[in-house]
């Protein structure tokens, strides 16, 4: 049977910025800082949780058609369906960082794609002699390698999962969900420091790398 290879479709980009030290300001003030950069019409929710709750729990959640933002004590995440969101809004993103008085020690850039395909395309990644007697209904493949991005040692991760997604007409399609995750190392968070230009260069290279997939 001939396998028909389709082009992957972009779903979402995520930028995760991890702080060297926890954000100590008021969530209400942080919400105003974010709105100042991205628009006062943003829908903001202040999550009322104890101050001693785990740092990774979001304190501020902001939603808009362009971007969704989660602010925790130890990180801030930007999610967008606009592929160019990070590069087009770099100055605004860093303005938020400066006004929150936090320092970035770790960065993660995540791209998610969906590729319409049947499971045979995933099976093509394997030695056929090893799987000839198998008839899998699900396949998950995860690869990770260390790479240097502007001298910053980083993880370069690829995750491929068979699954389903709805197309623009709401029809369920069989395919492969692809996650490309490029992130600097957790153990280097105290060593690394990402200023405005360092962050810009890292994101530019990581974004280019995230376009590369094996299927």
Foldseek 3Di string as FASTA:
>chain_A
DDWDWFDKAWAKKKKKFFFPFFQDDDPVVLVVLLCVLVNPPKDKDADDDDPPPDQVQFRMWIDDQAWIWTDGRTMIMIMGRDLCVCVVRLVSVQSSVVVSVTWTLKMKMKIKIWTFGACVVVVVVDDCVVCVVPDDPKDKDKDWDWDAQPNFIKIWIKIKIWDWDADPVRDIGTTIMIMTMIMGDPVRSVVGTADSVNVSSRVVVSSVSSVDDPD
